[in-house]
């Protein structure tokens, strides 16, 4: 496993690049997931706008001057920004002792490379100056551009990231309140320990509020976001798998089925070596061991962070399922479904069904007690999503005449 991008580059290419220690694998994949979701979201919003589906949306006209030369304020700001980049990152790139020892502490300190900062600042500022000089016009002209619905995706993505992280943290804290009381600061500011549904609910609410203010039809916005959410979830789960963040399945000592013979052994059972949590116990507590009954080898002690028993690589399964569903939605379903809200309803059903069944083989210690039944929280939420999706499909069909495609 690769807790950081540094670990991946060093193992795969034999290169030691210290500043890559700053990039956590899980966080890196989450960032990629947001970018891919934003790309798909913007494409869908613009497609729907061309079809005339955003009837109340009034695009604003943006004006800017084309052909201007670089001003003195721009020179100063470009120099200052690029100086900071060069000052902090030069030592990380050339791997000085201070930077290599603890890159995170180095980045938070006032230490840096003065010569590197000046060189980078001069190179960037001079290059930027001559680039704009080539684009300069004898008489600058004012350009007017009418915004597209997809132009709002940048703001929506920032809102989804900020509020999604907050929601994911809040839900994770509620699920693991005992750990939070023991170390509230460390748990809240850690980039690990995020609950997907918490991020989806809170981040989604922020995006819908923004869309309403911009007079974008909410049902069409939700439909436009559905394919991207599938892709983002799949890529995010790849981050879980590659970092080994504990989202794996139950112990799997069964022999690999013959129909999986062409696949690597780790796709059936994996022990997640060098996982980011330095965990050796496939389960996290006694309750989960009682709930997910499976044979366990005796726990070992030491610095080895390889699980003592192989488990189902459920994050990998989820990643493959969700990415496959994205392609189905993108190349077929989204263009076949026209009733507002229908595509998002189908997404809810697909997401809920997938999550419900993956929980049958995934470690999850959060349980609800309903009478004599014990229900995993994720399965409870997945069931609600399926019910909401089925209700949405019924509602959109019923109101097809009121909301014509």
Protein backbone atom coordinates (compact mmCIF):
# COMPACT_ATOMS: atom_id res chain seq x y z
CA UNK A 1 0.00 0.00 0.00
CA UNK A 2 1.04 3.59 -0.53
CA UNK A 3 0.07 5.97 2.32
CA UNK A 4 1.63 8.85 0.37
CA UNK A 5 2.40 9.53 -3.30
CA UNK A 6 6.07 9.48 -2.25
CA UNK A 7 5.72 5.79 -1.34
CA UNK A 8 4.16 5.00 -4.71
CA UNK A 9 6.79 6.84 -6.77
CA UNK A 10 9.67 5.32 -4.78
CA UNK A 11 8.31 1.78 -5.10
CA UNK A 12 7.26 1.95 -8.76
CA UNK A 13 10.07 4.08 -10.19
CA UNK A 14 12.83 3.91 -7.58
CA UNK A 15 12.86 7.71 -7.25
CA UNK A 16 12.98 9.45 -3.87
CA UNK A 17 11.24 12.83 -4.16
CA UNK A 18 10.79 14.23 -0.63
CA UNK A 19 8.09 16.82 -1.32
CA UNK A 20 5.76 14.03 -2.46
CA UNK A 21 5.57 13.01 1.20
CA UNK A 22 3.22 15.97 1.54
CA UNK A 23 0.66 14.29 -0.73
CA UNK A 24 -1.44 11.73 1.11
CA UNK A 25 -2.66 9.08 -1.33
CA UNK A 26 -6.24 9.24 -0.07
CA UNK A 27 -6.34 13.04 -0.24
CA UNK A 28 -4.77 12.98 -3.70
CA UNK A 29 -7.46 10.66 -5.04
CA UNK A 30 -10.19 12.70 -3.36
CA UNK A 31 -8.88 15.79 -5.17
CA UNK A 32 -8.87 13.91 -8.48
CA UNK A 33 -12.41 12.71 -7.75
CA UNK A 34 -13.62 16.29 -7.24
CA UNK A 35 -12.01 17.43 -10.49
CA UNK A 36 -13.51 14.57 -12.51
CA UNK A 37 -16.94 15.14 -10.96
CA UNK A 38 -16.69 18.86 -11.77
CA UNK A 39 -15.76 18.07 -15.38
CA UNK A 40 -18.73 15.72 -15.87
CA UNK A 41 -21.06 18.10 -14.02
CA UNK A 42 -20.08 21.08 -16.19
CA UNK A 43 -20.49 19.07 -19.40
CA UNK A 44 -24.00 18.00 -18.38
CA UNK A 45 -25.08 21.46 -17.25
CA UNK A 46 -23.96 22.98 -20.55
CA UNK A 47 -25.71 20.21 -22.51
CA UNK A 48 -28.95 20.80 -20.62
CA UNK A 49 -28.65 24.55 -21.14
CA UNK A 50 -28.33 24.04 -24.92
CA UNK A 51 -31.50 21.96 -24.77
CA UNK A 52 -33.28 24.90 -23.12
CA UNK A 53 -33.99 23.08 -19.86
CA UNK A 54 -32.94 25.93 -17.55
CA UNK A 55 -35.89 28.19 -18.25
CA UNK A 56 -35.41 30.61 -15.36
CA UNK A 57 -31.64 30.89 -15.64
CA UNK A 58 -30.51 34.35 -16.75
CA UNK A 59 -26.82 34.27 -17.73
CA UNK A 60 -24.76 37.25 -16.73
CA UNK A 61 -22.50 39.06 -19.16
CA UNK A 62 -18.87 39.32 -18.12
CA UNK A 63 -16.62 42.04 -19.49
CA UNK A 64 -12.82 42.13 -19.63
CA UNK A 65 -10.13 43.96 -21.56
CA UNK A 66 -8.11 42.05 -24.12
CA UNK A 67 -4.64 43.14 -25.25
CA UNK A 68 -3.51 44.94 -22.10
CA UNK A 69 0.11 44.89 -21.01
CA UNK A 70 1.19 43.72 -17.57
CA UNK A 71 0.62 46.37 -14.91
CA UNK A 72 3.02 47.18 -12.06
CA UNK A 73 0.60 45.65 -9.53
CA UNK A 74 0.49 42.42 -11.54
CA UNK A 75 4.29 42.35 -11.70
CA UNK A 76 4.54 42.69 -7.91
CA UNK A 77 1.85 40.11 -7.20
CA UNK A 78 3.29 37.58 -9.67
CA UNK A 79 6.78 38.04 -8.23
CA UNK A 80 5.56 37.65 -4.63
CA UNK A 81 3.51 34.54 -5.32
CA UNK A 82 6.22 32.77 -7.33
CA UNK A 83 8.87 33.75 -4.77
CA UNK A 84 6.96 31.94 -2.01
CA UNK A 85 6.66 28.83 -4.21
CA UNK A 86 10.37 28.82 -5.02
CA UNK A 87 11.38 29.67 -1.45
CA UNK A 88 9.48 26.74 0.07
CA UNK A 89 9.73 24.05 -2.62
CA UNK A 90 13.34 24.36 -3.82
CA UNK A 91 14.75 22.56 -0.76
CA UNK A 92 12.08 19.87 -1.06
CA UNK A 93 13.03 19.21 -4.67
CA UNK A 94 16.79 19.10 -4.10
CA UNK A 95 16.20 17.11 -0.87
CA UNK A 96 18.12 19.10 1.72
CA UNK A 97 18.47 17.58 5.18
CA UNK A 98 15.85 19.83 6.84
CA UNK A 99 13.25 19.27 4.13
CA UNK A 100 13.86 15.53 3.84
CA UNK A 101 13.63 14.88 7.58
CA UNK A 102 10.05 16.10 8.02
CA UNK A 103 8.50 17.78 4.95
CA UNK A 104 5.31 18.78 6.79
CA UNK A 105 7.16 20.50 9.63
CA UNK A 106 9.42 22.18 7.07
CA UNK A 107 6.46 23.58 5.12
CA UNK A 108 4.96 25.05 8.30
CA UNK A 109 8.25 26.64 9.35
CA UNK A 110 9.86 29.88 8.13
CA UNK A 111 12.74 27.95 6.61
CA UNK A 112 13.30 28.12 2.87
CA UNK A 113 15.76 28.62 0.04
CA UNK A 114 16.30 32.34 -0.66
CA UNK A 115 18.20 31.82 -3.93
CA UNK A 116 15.59 29.33 -5.14
CA UNK A 117 12.80 31.80 -4.34
CA UNK A 118 14.47 34.61 -6.29
CA UNK A 119 15.27 32.41 -9.30
CA UNK A 120 11.74 31.03 -9.55
CA UNK A 121 10.19 34.49 -9.05
CA UNK A 122 12.33 36.09 -11.75
CA UNK A 123 11.77 33.24 -14.21
CA UNK A 124 7.99 33.26 -13.74
CA UNK A 125 7.53 37.03 -13.72
CA UNK A 126 9.75 37.71 -16.74
CA UNK A 127 8.15 34.85 -18.66
CA UNK A 128 4.68 36.12 -17.83
CA UNK A 129 5.63 39.69 -18.80
CA UNK A 130 6.92 38.73 -22.27
CA UNK A 131 3.95 36.41 -22.86
CA UNK A 132 1.52 39.30 -22.30
CA UNK A 133 3.70 41.62 -24.40
CA UNK A 134 3.26 39.27 -27.36
CA UNK A 135 -0.52 39.32 -26.80
CA UNK A 136 -0.65 43.13 -26.45
CA UNK A 137 -2.83 45.02 -28.92
CA UNK A 138 -2.21 48.59 -30.19
CA UNK A 139 -5.68 49.43 -28.95
CA UNK A 140 -7.04 47.13 -26.17
CA UNK A 141 -10.59 46.01 -26.79
CA UNK A 142 -13.42 45.17 -24.41
CA UNK A 143 -14.69 41.61 -24.68
CA UNK A 144 -18.14 40.55 -23.55
CA UNK A 145 -18.83 36.93 -22.68
CA UNK A 146 -22.15 35.44 -21.71
CA UNK A 147 -21.72 32.93 -18.90
CA UNK A 148 -22.85 29.33 -19.25
CA UNK A 149 -24.57 27.22 -16.64
CA UNK A 150 -21.41 25.11 -16.45
CA UNK A 151 -19.37 28.17 -15.47
CA UNK A 152 -20.85 27.92 -11.98
CA UNK A 153 -19.35 24.47 -11.42
CA UNK A 154 -16.14 25.99 -10.04
CA UNK A 155 -18.01 27.70 -7.22
CA UNK A 156 -20.18 24.62 -6.70
CA UNK A 157 -17.08 22.42 -6.45
CA UNK A 158 -15.52 24.66 -3.81
CA UNK A 159 -18.75 24.62 -1.82
CA UNK A 160 -19.07 20.85 -2.18
CA UNK A 161 -15.45 20.36 -1.09
CA UNK A 162 -15.70 22.63 1.96
CA UNK A 163 -19.12 21.54 3.19
CA UNK A 164 -18.59 17.96 2.04
CA UNK A 165 -15.44 17.68 4.15
CA UNK A 166 -17.30 19.21 7.09
CA UNK A 167 -20.23 16.83 6.68
CA UNK A 168 -17.98 13.80 6.24
CA UNK A 169 -16.10 14.72 9.40
CA UNK A 170 -19.26 15.34 11.44
CA UNK A 171 -20.78 12.01 10.43
CA UNK A 172 -17.50 10.19 11.13
CA UNK A 173 -17.26 11.84 14.57
CA UNK A 174 -20.83 10.82 15.38
CA UNK A 175 -19.98 7.26 14.37
CA UNK A 176 -16.79 7.22 16.47
CA UNK A 177 -17.58 9.60 19.31
CA UNK A 178 -15.37 7.75 21.78
CA UNK A 179 -12.27 8.33 19.62
CA UNK A 180 -13.27 11.98 19.18
CA UNK A 181 -13.44 12.57 22.94
CA UNK A 182 -9.98 11.04 23.31
CA UNK A 183 -8.38 13.24 20.62
CA UNK A 184 -10.83 15.87 19.26
CA UNK A 185 -8.26 18.08 17.55
CA UNK A 186 -6.32 15.25 15.93
CA UNK A 187 -9.44 13.50 14.69
CA UNK A 188 -11.12 16.61 13.27
CA UNK A 189 -8.10 17.92 11.36
CA UNK A 190 -6.96 14.54 10.05
CA UNK A 191 -7.62 13.89 6.35
CA UNK A 192 -8.45 10.29 7.16
CA UNK A 193 -11.70 9.25 8.74
CA UNK A 194 -14.33 10.61 6.36
CA UNK A 195 -17.88 9.30 5.98
CA UNK A 196 -18.97 9.34 2.35
CA UNK A 197 -22.68 9.82 3.02
CA UNK A 198 -22.04 12.72 5.38
CA UNK A 199 -20.06 14.50 2.70
CA UNK A 200 -22.70 13.76 0.08
CA UNK A 201 -25.58 15.08 2.18
CA UNK A 202 -23.98 18.28 3.49
CA UNK A 203 -22.01 19.07 0.32
CA UNK A 204 -25.04 18.34 -1.85
CA UNK A 205 -27.23 20.64 0.21
CA UNK A 206 -24.72 23.48 -0.23
CA UNK A 207 -24.68 22.98 -4.02
CA UNK A 208 -28.49 22.96 -4.23
CA UNK A 209 -28.78 26.17 -2.20
CA UNK A 210 -26.28 27.84 -4.55
CA UNK A 211 -28.16 26.53 -7.61
CA UNK A 212 -31.44 27.89 -6.29
CA UNK A 213 -29.91 31.36 -5.87
CA UNK A 214 -28.70 31.21 -9.48
CA UNK A 215 -32.21 30.15 -10.62
CA UNK A 216 -31.04 26.83 -12.00
CA UNK A 217 -33.76 24.17 -11.98
CA UNK A 218 -32.88 21.91 -9.06
CA UNK A 219 -34.12 18.67 -10.61
CA UNK A 220 -32.01 19.21 -13.72
CA UNK A 221 -29.01 20.17 -11.57
CA UNK A 222 -29.38 16.94 -9.59
CA UNK A 223 -29.65 14.93 -12.82
CA UNK A 224 -26.58 16.65 -14.24
CA UNK A 225 -24.55 15.77 -11.16
CA UNK A 226 -25.50 12.07 -11.00
CA UNK A 227 -22.93 10.62 -13.46
CA UNK A 228 -20.12 12.65 -11.91
CA UNK A 229 -21.04 11.45 -8.42
CA UNK A 230 -20.64 7.85 -9.57
CA UNK A 231 -17.23 8.59 -11.05
CA UNK A 232 -16.09 10.55 -8.01
CA UNK A 233 -17.18 7.78 -5.64
CA UNK A 234 -15.30 5.20 -7.68
CA UNK A 235 -12.08 7.22 -7.83
CA UNK A 236 -12.36 8.04 -4.12
CA UNK A 237 -12.64 4.35 -3.31
CA UNK A 238 -9.45 3.76 -5.30
CA UNK A 239 -7.82 6.15 -2.83
CA UNK A 240 -9.18 4.05 0.04
CA UNK A 241 -7.75 0.90 -1.51
CA UNK A 242 -4.34 2.30 -2.45
CA UNK A 243 -3.77 3.92 0.95
CA UNK A 244 -5.27 1.00 2.90
CA UNK A 245 -7.43 3.23 5.09
CA UNK A 246 -9.34 0.45 6.85
CA UNK A 247 -12.37 0.31 4.54
CA UNK A 248 -11.57 -3.27 3.63
CA UNK A 249 -13.78 -6.32 3.95
CA UNK A 250 -14.06 -9.18 6.40
CA UNK A 251 -11.44 -11.91 6.66
CA UNK A 252 -11.40 -14.11 3.56
CA UNK A 253 -9.50 -17.40 3.86
CA UNK A 254 -11.53 -19.14 1.15
CA UNK A 255 -9.71 -20.28 -2.01
CA UNK A 256 -10.06 -18.03 -5.04
CA UNK A 257 -12.89 -19.13 -7.36
CA UNK A 258 -11.94 -20.62 -10.72
CA UNK A 259 -13.79 -17.90 -12.62
CA UNK A 260 -11.39 -15.35 -11.11
CA UNK A 261 -8.35 -17.34 -12.19
CA UNK A 262 -7.21 -14.73 -14.70
CA UNK A 263 -7.11 -11.99 -12.03
CA UNK A 264 -4.32 -11.33 -9.51
CA UNK A 265 -4.74 -13.06 -6.15
CA UNK A 266 -5.13 -9.74 -4.31
CA UNK A 267 -8.44 -9.09 -6.08
CA UNK A 268 -9.92 -11.96 -4.04
CA UNK A 269 -8.06 -11.68 -0.72
CA UNK A 270 -5.50 -9.06 0.32
CA UNK A 271 -3.53 -8.35 3.48
CA UNK A 272 -2.96 -4.60 2.82
CA UNK A 273 0.79 -4.32 3.63
CA UNK A 274 2.07 -0.90 4.75
CA UNK A 275 -1.48 0.40 5.20
CA UNK A 276 -1.82 4.04 6.22
CA UNK A 277 -3.26 3.24 9.67
CA UNK A 278 -0.43 0.81 10.52
CA UNK A 279 -3.11 -1.72 11.36
CA UNK A 280 -2.51 -5.46 11.73
CA UNK A 281 -5.94 -6.48 13.02
CA UNK A 282 -8.44 -6.81 10.16
CA UNK A 283 -11.16 -5.75 12.58
CA UNK A 284 -11.22 -2.59 14.63
CA UNK A 285 -12.88 -3.76 17.81
CA UNK A 286 -14.46 -6.69 19.63
CA UNK A 287 -18.00 -5.81 18.52
CA UNK A 288 -17.09 -6.12 14.86
CA UNK A 289 -15.38 -9.48 15.47
CA UNK A 290 -18.54 -10.80 17.08
CA UNK A 291 -20.68 -9.42 14.29
CA UNK A 292 -18.50 -10.46 11.35
CA UNK A 293 -17.58 -13.97 12.45
CA UNK A 294 -14.47 -15.29 10.70
CA UNK A 295 -11.31 -17.15 11.75
CA UNK A 296 -8.49 -14.90 12.92
CA UNK A 297 -4.85 -15.74 13.32
CA UNK A 298 -3.24 -14.74 16.60
CA UNK A 299 -2.38 -11.04 16.56
CA UNK A 300 1.31 -10.30 16.27
CA UNK A 301 3.17 -7.41 17.82
CA UNK A 302 5.78 -5.10 16.34
CA UNK A 303 6.04 -2.53 13.57
CA UNK A 304 4.66 -4.69 10.77
CA UNK A 305 1.56 -3.03 9.32
CA UNK A 306 0.40 -6.03 7.29
CA UNK A 307 -2.93 -7.57 8.25
CA UNK A 308 -2.53 -10.92 9.98
CA UNK A 309 -5.31 -12.37 7.82
CA UNK A 310 -6.33 -11.55 4.22
CA UNK A 311 -9.61 -9.71 3.67
CA UNK A 312 -11.95 -8.93 0.79
CA UNK A 313 -10.61 -5.81 -1.00
CA UNK A 314 -14.02 -4.15 -0.92
CA UNK A 315 -12.77 -0.62 -1.83
CA UNK A 316 -11.43 -2.06 -5.09
CA UNK A 317 -14.77 -3.78 -5.77
CA UNK A 318 -16.67 -0.56 -5.15
CA UNK A 319 -14.30 1.42 -7.36
CA UNK A 320 -14.75 -0.95 -10.29
CA UNK A 321 -18.55 -1.10 -9.88
CA UNK A 322 -18.98 2.67 -9.62
CA UNK A 323 -16.66 3.51 -12.51
CA UNK A 324 -18.47 0.92 -14.66
CA UNK A 325 -21.82 2.46 -13.67
CA UNK A 326 -20.49 5.90 -14.63
CA UNK A 327 -19.78 4.72 -18.17
CA UNK A 328 -23.26 3.16 -18.40
CA UNK A 329 -24.85 6.42 -17.20
CA UNK A 330 -22.63 8.61 -19.37
CA UNK A 331 -22.88 6.80 -22.68
CA UNK A 332 -26.42 5.45 -22.42
CA UNK A 333 -28.72 6.31 -19.51
CA UNK A 334 -28.37 10.10 -19.36
CA UNK A 335 -29.42 10.56 -22.98
CA UNK A 336 -32.30 8.10 -22.74
CA UNK A 337 -33.85 9.58 -19.59
CA UNK A 338 -35.59 12.93 -20.09
CA UNK A 339 -37.99 13.40 -17.15
CA UNK A 340 -36.53 15.89 -14.61
CA UNK A 341 -35.30 14.08 -11.50
CA UNK A 342 -35.40 10.61 -13.06
CA UNK A 343 -31.65 10.22 -13.60
CA UNK A 344 -30.82 11.24 -10.04
CA UNK A 345 -33.47 8.85 -8.73
CA UNK A 346 -31.90 5.99 -10.69
CA UNK A 347 -28.52 7.02 -9.27
CA UNK A 348 -29.90 6.81 -5.72
CA UNK A 349 -31.18 3.28 -6.35
CA UNK A 350 -27.90 2.15 -7.95
CA UNK A 351 -25.79 3.67 -5.18
CA UNK A 352 -27.98 2.29 -2.41
CA UNK A 353 -28.12 -1.24 -3.82
CA UNK A 354 -24.36 -1.35 -4.34
CA UNK A 355 -23.60 -0.09 -0.86
CA UNK A 356 -26.13 -2.37 0.85
CA UNK A 357 -24.67 -5.54 -0.65
CA UNK A 358 -21.00 -4.55 -0.30
CA UNK A 359 -21.63 -4.11 3.43
CA UNK A 360 -22.33 -7.85 3.67
CA UNK A 361 -18.60 -8.49 3.28
CA UNK A 362 -17.19 -5.18 4.57
CA UNK A 363 -15.96 -4.35 8.07
CA UNK A 364 -18.32 -1.84 9.66
CA UNK A 365 -18.58 -1.39 13.39
CA UNK A 366 -21.47 1.10 13.50
CA UNK A 367 -24.70 -0.72 14.26
CA UNK A 368 -28.31 0.18 14.88
CA UNK A 369 -30.41 -2.05 17.10
CA UNK A 370 -33.95 -2.40 15.76
CA UNK A 371 -35.78 -4.82 18.04
CA UNK A 372 -33.66 -7.99 17.90
CA UNK A 373 -31.99 -7.05 14.61
CA UNK A 374 -28.56 -5.45 14.28
CA UNK A 375 -28.22 -3.22 11.22
CA UNK A 376 -25.05 -1.59 9.91
CA UNK A 377 -25.51 2.18 9.63
CA UNK A 378 -24.38 2.22 5.99
CA UNK A 379 -27.00 -0.41 5.13
CA UNK A 380 -29.66 1.61 6.91
CA UNK A 381 -28.74 4.74 4.91
CA UNK A 382 -28.46 2.69 1.70
CA UNK A 383 -31.98 1.37 2.23
CA UNK A 384 -33.26 4.94 2.68
CA UNK A 385 -31.51 5.95 -0.57
CA UNK A 386 -33.14 3.08 -2.46
CA UNK A 387 -36.56 4.02 -1.08
CA UNK A 388 -36.00 7.67 -1.99
CA UNK A 389 -34.86 6.64 -5.47
CA UNK A 390 -37.84 4.39 -6.06
CA UNK A 391 -40.17 7.13 -4.80
CA UNK A 392 -38.42 9.62 -7.08
CA UNK A 393 -38.85 7.36 -10.12
CA UNK A 394 -42.54 6.98 -9.34
CA UNK A 395 -42.95 10.74 -8.76
CA UNK A 396 -41.17 11.78 -11.95
CA UNK A 397 -43.28 9.40 -14.01
CA UNK A 398 -46.45 10.65 -12.36
CA UNK A 399 -45.53 14.31 -12.90
CA UNK A 400 -44.11 13.92 -16.39
CA UNK A 401 -46.90 16.09 -17.79
CA UNK A 402 -46.34 18.83 -15.19
CA UNK A 403 -42.57 18.75 -15.78
CA UNK A 404 -42.25 18.03 -19.50
CA UNK A 405 -38.85 16.83 -20.73
